[in-house]
C-alpha atoms as a PDB file:
ATOM      1  CA  UNK A   1     190.890  11.117  70.667  1.00  0.00           C
ATOM      2  CA  UNK A   2     189.160  12.977  67.979  1.00  0.00           C
ATOM      3  CA  UNK A   3     185.625  12.175  67.143  1.00  0.00           C
ATOM      4  CA  UNK A   4     185.587   8.859  65.801  1.00  0.00           C
ATOM      5  CA  UNK A   5     189.092   8.794  64.230  1.00  0.00           C
ATOM      6  CA  UNK A   6     191.444   5.947  64.764  1.00  0.00           C
ATOM      7  CA  UNK A   7     194.817   7.776  65.185  1.00  0.00           C
ATOM      8  CA  UNK A   8     198.533   6.657  64.570  1.00  0.00           C
ATOM      9  CA  UNK A   9     201.403   8.514  65.155  1.00  0.00           C
ATOM     10  CA  UNK A  10     202.212  10.103  61.477  1.00  0.00           C
ATOM     11  CA  UNK A  11     205.822   8.644  61.255  1.00  0.00           C
ATOM     12  CA  UNK A  12     204.610   5.404  61.563  1.00  0.00           C
ATOM     13  CA  UNK A  13     202.101   5.133  59.297  1.00  0.00           C
ATOM     14  CA  UNK A  14     203.800   6.743  55.805  1.00  0.00           C
ATOM     15  CA  UNK A  15     201.225   4.277  53.966  1.00  0.00           C
ATOM     16  CA  UNK A  16     198.577   7.332  54.417  1.00  0.00           C
ATOM     17  CA  UNK A  17     200.796  10.193  53.762  1.00  0.00           C
ATOM     18  CA  UNK A  18     201.591  11.624  50.560  1.00  0.00           C
ATOM     19  CA  UNK A  19     205.376  11.049  49.759  1.00  0.00           C
ATOM     20  CA  UNK A  20     205.806  15.411  49.771  1.00  0.00           C
ATOM     21  CA  UNK A  21     203.827  15.195  53.282  1.00  0.00           C
ATOM     22  CA  UNK A  22     206.568  11.878  54.553  1.00  0.00           C
ATOM     23  CA  UNK A  23     209.238  13.789  53.460  1.00  0.00           C
ATOM     24  CA  UNK A  24     208.599  16.865  55.080  1.00  0.00           C
ATOM     25  CA  UNK A  25     207.578  15.332  58.513  1.00  0.00           C
ATOM     26  CA  UNK A  26     211.131  13.352  58.206  1.00  0.00           C
ATOM     27  CA  UNK A  27     212.865  16.108  58.959  1.00  0.00           C
ATOM     28  CA  UNK A  28     210.463  18.773  60.618  1.00  0.00           C
ATOM     29  CA  UNK A  29     210.935  19.097  64.469  1.00  0.00           C
ATOM     30  CA  UNK A  30     207.430  18.901  65.708  1.00  0.00           C
ATOM     31  CA  UNK A  31     206.341  15.817  63.651  1.00  0.00           C
ATOM     32  CA  UNK A  32     206.100  13.803  66.719  1.00  0.00           C
ATOM     33  CA  UNK A  33     202.763  15.808  67.254  1.00  0.00           C
ATOM     34  CA  UNK A  34     201.519  14.825  64.129  1.00  0.00           C
ATOM     35  CA  UNK A  35     198.771  11.999  63.989  1.00  0.00           C
ATOM     36  CA  UNK A  36     197.081  10.206  61.054  1.00  0.00           C
ATOM     37  CA  UNK A  37     193.925   8.665  60.495  1.00  0.00           C
ATOM     38  CA  UNK A  38     192.993   6.352  57.869  1.00  0.00           C
ATOM     39  CA  UNK A  39     189.533   7.524  56.034  1.00  0.00           C
ATOM     40  CA  UNK A  40     186.973   6.866  53.472  1.00  0.00           C
ATOM     41  CA  UNK A  41     188.102   8.560  50.591  1.00  0.00           C
ATOM     42  CA  UNK A  42     184.548   9.175  49.798  1.00  0.00           C
ATOM     43  CA  UNK A  43     184.446  11.358  52.826  1.00  0.00           C
ATOM     44  CA  UNK A  44     187.366  13.835  52.304  1.00  0.00           C
ATOM     45  CA  UNK A  45     185.176  16.652  51.726  1.00  0.00           C
ATOM     46  CA  UNK A  46     185.143  18.469  54.906  1.00  0.00           C
ATOM     47  CA  UNK A  47     181.230  18.411  55.694  1.00  0.00           C
ATOM     48  CA  UNK A  48     181.150  14.597  54.455  1.00  0.00           C
ATOM     49  CA  UNK A  49     183.700  13.926  57.159  1.00  0.00           C
ATOM     50  CA  UNK A  50     182.865  15.796  59.377  1.00  0.00           C
ATOM     51  CA  UNK A  51     179.420  14.489  60.172  1.00  0.00           C
ATOM     52  CA  UNK A  52     180.773  10.757  59.623  1.00  0.00           C
ATOM     53  CA  UNK A  53     184.084  10.687  62.168  1.00  0.00           C
ATOM     54  CA  UNK A  54     181.926  13.056  64.606  1.00  0.00           C
ATOM     55  CA  UNK A  55     184.526  15.789  64.027  1.00  0.00           C
ATOM     56  CA  UNK A  56     183.395  19.321  64.707  1.00  0.00           C
ATOM     57  CA  UNK A  57     183.500  21.572  61.756  1.00  0.00           C
ATOM     58  CA  UNK A  58     185.556  24.228  64.099  1.00  0.00           C
ATOM     59  CA  UNK A  59     188.163  21.823  64.520  1.00  0.00           C
ATOM     60  CA  UNK A  60     188.424  21.038  61.190  1.00  0.00           C
ATOM     61  CA  UNK A  61     190.642  23.172  59.117  1.00  0.00           C
ATOM     62  CA  UNK A  62     190.765  23.669  55.172  1.00  0.00           C
ATOM     63  CA  UNK A  63     193.827  24.327  53.212  1.00  0.00           C
ATOM     64  CA  UNK A  64     193.239  26.288  49.920  1.00  0.00           C
ATOM     65  CA  UNK A  65     195.764  27.234  47.245  1.00  0.00           C
ATOM     66  CA  UNK A  66     195.171  30.824  46.032  1.00  0.00           C
ATOM     67  CA  UNK A  67     197.145  31.931  43.243  1.00  0.00           C
ATOM     68  CA  UNK A  68     197.600  35.945  42.794  1.00  0.00           C
ATOM     69  CA  UNK A  69     198.403  37.634  39.542  1.00  0.00           C
ATOM     70  CA  UNK A  70     200.460  40.573  39.269  1.00  0.00           C
ATOM     71  CA  UNK A  71     201.003  41.264  35.372  1.00  0.00           C
ATOM     72  CA  UNK A  72     203.032  37.958  34.314  1.00  0.00           C
ATOM     73  CA  UNK A  73     203.826  37.192  38.057  1.00  0.00           C
ATOM     74  CA  UNK A  74     201.920  34.636  39.636  1.00  0.00           C
ATOM     75  CA  UNK A  75     202.580  34.273  43.696  1.00  0.00           C
ATOM     76  CA  UNK A  76     200.878  31.101  44.845  1.00  0.00           C
ATOM     77  CA  UNK A  77     200.266  30.072  48.717  1.00  0.00           C
ATOM     78  CA  UNK A  78     197.933  28.139  50.886  1.00  0.00           C
ATOM     79  CA  UNK A  79     195.295  29.259  53.315  1.00  0.00           C
ATOM     80  CA  UNK A  80     194.597  27.550  55.895  1.00  0.00           C
ATOM     81  CA  UNK A  81     191.077  28.142  57.991  1.00  0.00           C
ATOM     82  CA  UNK A  82     188.651  27.110  59.967  1.00  0.00           C
ATOM     83  CA  UNK A  83     185.543  24.694  58.416  1.00  0.00           C
ATOM     84  CA  UNK A  84     183.694  27.286  59.788  1.00  0.00           C
ATOM     85  CA  UNK A  85     184.977  30.195  57.933  1.00  0.00           C
ATOM     86  CA  UNK A  86     185.597  30.707  54.469  1.00  0.00           C
ATOM     87  CA  UNK A  87     189.405  32.428  53.484  1.00  0.00           C
ATOM     88  CA  UNK A  88     189.067  36.088  52.264  1.00  0.00           C
ATOM     89  CA  UNK A  89     190.917  35.678  48.769  1.00  0.00           C
ATOM     90  CA  UNK A  90     189.897  38.717  47.020  1.00  0.00           C
ATOM     91  CA  UNK A  91     190.419  40.946  50.149  1.00  0.00           C
ATOM     92  CA  UNK A  92     192.932  39.857  52.507  1.00  0.00           C
ATOM     93  CA  UNK A  93     194.917  37.308  50.559  1.00  0.00           C
ATOM     94  CA  UNK A  94     195.219  39.297  47.659  1.00  0.00           C
ATOM     95  CA  UNK A  95     196.683  42.377  49.317  1.00  0.00           C
ATOM     96  CA  UNK A  96     199.293  40.196  51.408  1.00  0.00           C
ATOM     97  CA  UNK A  97     200.022  38.463  48.011  1.00  0.00           C
ATOM     98  CA  UNK A  98     200.807  42.129  46.486  1.00  0.00           C
ATOM     99  CA  UNK A  99     198.623  40.685  43.703  1.00  0.00           C
ATOM    100  CA  UNK A 100     195.770  42.578  41.431  1.00  0.00           C
ATOM    101  CA  UNK A 101     193.708  39.549  40.825  1.00  0.00           C
ATOM    102  CA  UNK A 102     193.805  36.416  43.272  1.00  0.00           C
ATOM    103  CA  UNK A 103     191.347  33.463  42.950  1.00  0.00           C
ATOM    104  CA  UNK A 104     191.519  29.476  43.953  1.00  0.00           C
ATOM    105  CA  UNK A 105     194.401  28.119  42.109  1.00  0.00           C
ATOM    106  CA  UNK A 106     193.160  25.713  39.083  1.00  0.00           C
ATOM    107  CA  UNK A 107     192.891  21.808  40.490  1.00  0.00           C
ATOM    108  CA  UNK A 108     195.531  20.745  37.709  1.00  0.00           C
ATOM    109  CA  UNK A 109     197.932  23.405  38.919  1.00  0.00           C
ATOM    110  CA  UNK A 110     197.450  22.800  42.538  1.00  0.00           C
ATOM    111  CA  UNK A 111     197.677  19.407  42.216  1.00  0.00           C
ATOM    112  CA  UNK A 112     200.996  19.585  40.205  1.00  0.00           C
ATOM    113  CA  UNK A 113     202.415  21.936  42.128  1.00  0.00           C
ATOM    114  CA  UNK A 114     201.975  20.054  45.542  1.00  0.00           C
ATOM    115  CA  UNK A 115     202.393  16.716  44.644  1.00  0.00           C
ATOM    116  CA  UNK A 116     198.926  15.864  46.622  1.00  0.00           C
ATOM    117  CA  UNK A 117     195.576  14.971  45.900  1.00  0.00           C
ATOM    118  CA  UNK A 118     192.670  17.194  45.437  1.00  0.00           C
ATOM    119  CA  UNK A 119     190.351  16.827  48.634  1.00  0.00           C
ATOM    120  CA  UNK A 120     193.811  16.146  50.702  1.00  0.00           C
ATOM    121  CA  UNK A 121     196.101  19.200  50.242  1.00  0.00           C
ATOM    122  CA  UNK A 122     197.505  20.290  53.468  1.00  0.00           C
ATOM    123  CA  UNK A 123     200.251  22.834  54.390  1.00  0.00           C
ATOM    124  CA  UNK A 124     202.459  20.438  55.232  1.00  0.00           C
ATOM    125  CA  UNK A 125     204.988  19.487  52.461  1.00  0.00           C
ATOM    126  CA  UNK A 126     204.127  22.263  50.176  1.00  0.00           C
ATOM    127  CA  UNK A 127     206.842  23.599  47.880  1.00  0.00           C
ATOM    128  CA  UNK A 128     209.506  25.589  49.737  1.00  0.00           C
ATOM    129  CA  UNK A 129     208.982  29.447  49.082  1.00  0.00           C
ATOM    130  CA  UNK A 130     205.227  28.980  49.404  1.00  0.00           C
ATOM    131  CA  UNK A 131     203.720  31.391  51.963  1.00  0.00           C
ATOM    132  CA  UNK A 132     201.193  29.358  54.439  1.00  0.00           C
ATOM    133  CA  UNK A 133     198.854  32.150  55.713  1.00  0.00           C
ATOM    134  CA  UNK A 134     197.132  31.105  59.005  1.00  0.00           C
ATOM    135  CA  UNK A 135     193.801  32.396  60.583  1.00  0.00           C
ATOM    136  CA  UNK A 136     194.949  33.129  64.060  1.00  0.00           C
ATOM    137  CA  UNK A 137     191.580  30.918  65.067  1.00  0.00           C
ATOM    138  CA  UNK A 138     193.605  27.831  63.500  1.00  0.00           C
ATOM    139  CA  UNK A 139     196.718  28.657  65.728  1.00  0.00           C
ATOM    140  CA  UNK A 140     194.959  29.064  68.727  1.00  0.00           C
ATOM    141  CA  UNK A 141     192.970  26.041  68.341  1.00  0.00           C
ATOM    142  CA  UNK A 142     194.110  22.877  70.067  1.00  0.00           C
ATOM    143  CA  UNK A 143     193.920  19.551  68.081  1.00  0.00           C
ATOM    144  CA  UNK A 144     193.099  20.423  64.439  1.00  0.00           C
ATOM    145  CA  UNK A 145     192.151  18.013  61.667  1.00  0.00           C
ATOM    146  CA  UNK A 146     193.789  18.286  58.191  1.00  0.00           C
ATOM    147  CA  UNK A 147     194.594  16.825  55.106  1.00  0.00           C
ATOM    148  CA  UNK A 148     197.436  14.661  54.632  1.00  0.00           C
ATOM    149  CA  UNK A 149     197.698  15.152  51.242  1.00  0.00           C
ATOM    150  CA  UNK A 150     195.696  11.656  50.371  1.00  0.00           C
ATOM    151  CA  UNK A 151     192.143  11.471  50.279  1.00  0.00           C
ATOM    152  CA  UNK A 152     191.853   8.304  52.292  1.00  0.00           C
ATOM    153  CA  UNK A 153     193.711   9.987  55.530  1.00  0.00           C
ATOM    154  CA  UNK A 154     193.816  12.997  57.760  1.00  0.00           C
ATOM    155  CA  UNK A 155     196.354  14.541  60.279  1.00  0.00           C
ATOM    156  CA  UNK A 156     195.768  15.779  63.448  1.00  0.00           C
ATOM    157  CA  UNK A 157     198.132  17.706  65.151  1.00  0.00           C
ATOM    158  CA  UNK A 158     197.964  21.562  67.618  1.00  0.00           C
ATOM    159  CA  UNK A 159     196.954  24.163  65.821  1.00  0.00           C
ATOM    160  CA  UNK A 160     200.560  26.125  67.067  1.00  0.00           C
ATOM    161  CA  UNK A 161     202.262  23.968  65.126  1.00  0.00           C
ATOM    162  CA  UNK A 162     200.242  24.450  61.935  1.00  0.00           C
ATOM    163  CA  UNK A 163     201.737  28.442  62.804  1.00  0.00           C
ATOM    164  CA  UNK A 164     205.650  26.857  63.069  1.00  0.00           C
ATOM    165  CA  UNK A 165     205.654  25.578  59.379  1.00  0.00           C
ATOM    166  CA  UNK A 166     207.990  26.868  57.315  1.00  0.00           C
ATOM    167  CA  UNK A 167     206.673  29.757  55.655  1.00  0.00           C
ATOM    168  CA  UNK A 168     204.110  30.370  58.096  1.00  0.00           C
ATOM    169  CA  UNK A 169     202.450  33.764  59.074  1.00  0.00           C
ATOM    170  CA  UNK A 170     199.882  34.335  61.071  1.00  0.00           C
ATOM    171  CA  UNK A 171     197.311  36.883  59.143  1.00  0.00           C
ATOM    172  CA  UNK A 172     194.486  38.438  60.851  1.00  0.00           C
ATOM    173  CA  UNK A 173     191.297  38.281  59.103  1.00  0.00           C
ATOM    174  CA  UNK A 174     191.814  36.005  56.976  1.00  0.00           C
ATOM    175  CA  UNK A 175     188.836  33.431  57.562  1.00  0.00           C
ATOM    176  CA  UNK A 176     185.457  35.263  57.206  1.00  0.00           C
ATOM    177  CA  UNK A 177     182.827  33.911  58.903  1.00  0.00           C
ATOM    178  CA  UNK A 178     180.137  31.664  56.996  1.00  0.00           C
END
């Protein structure tokens, strides 16, 4: 049990998953470790969610999409950090993407590229080829709460499983304390 979440195996509740997430889980070897819980979509933002469902911020991970540019070339990546930290976009991420400039990807671009709802973006089911940059604290965590691709639910899975996602790279210094 995580906080006050009513968990169920994610594969048994595709109605609580964004289509790309459900499709990904249908063939991922670690899908059996993933649970899902319905939540109030008005409480999807991390701080409100953690307060309402008694989930520690250190057990919640945020997934943000970053756009890095060098000349005309645009590179997108997902960054996964604990909610007690912030992704080092202009340092670690920018260098990893070999970009001159890096910033959070615009809302419309993120939603369009992922097929997920803003506020529910998750590293599971992202487009093929995207790097998934994982802070070591996320990978070392026990059970971690992440988005489901929808604002009305959350996923719970081992942090180590997130480090096993396609394109995942555990990147030291990614998360900076708030």
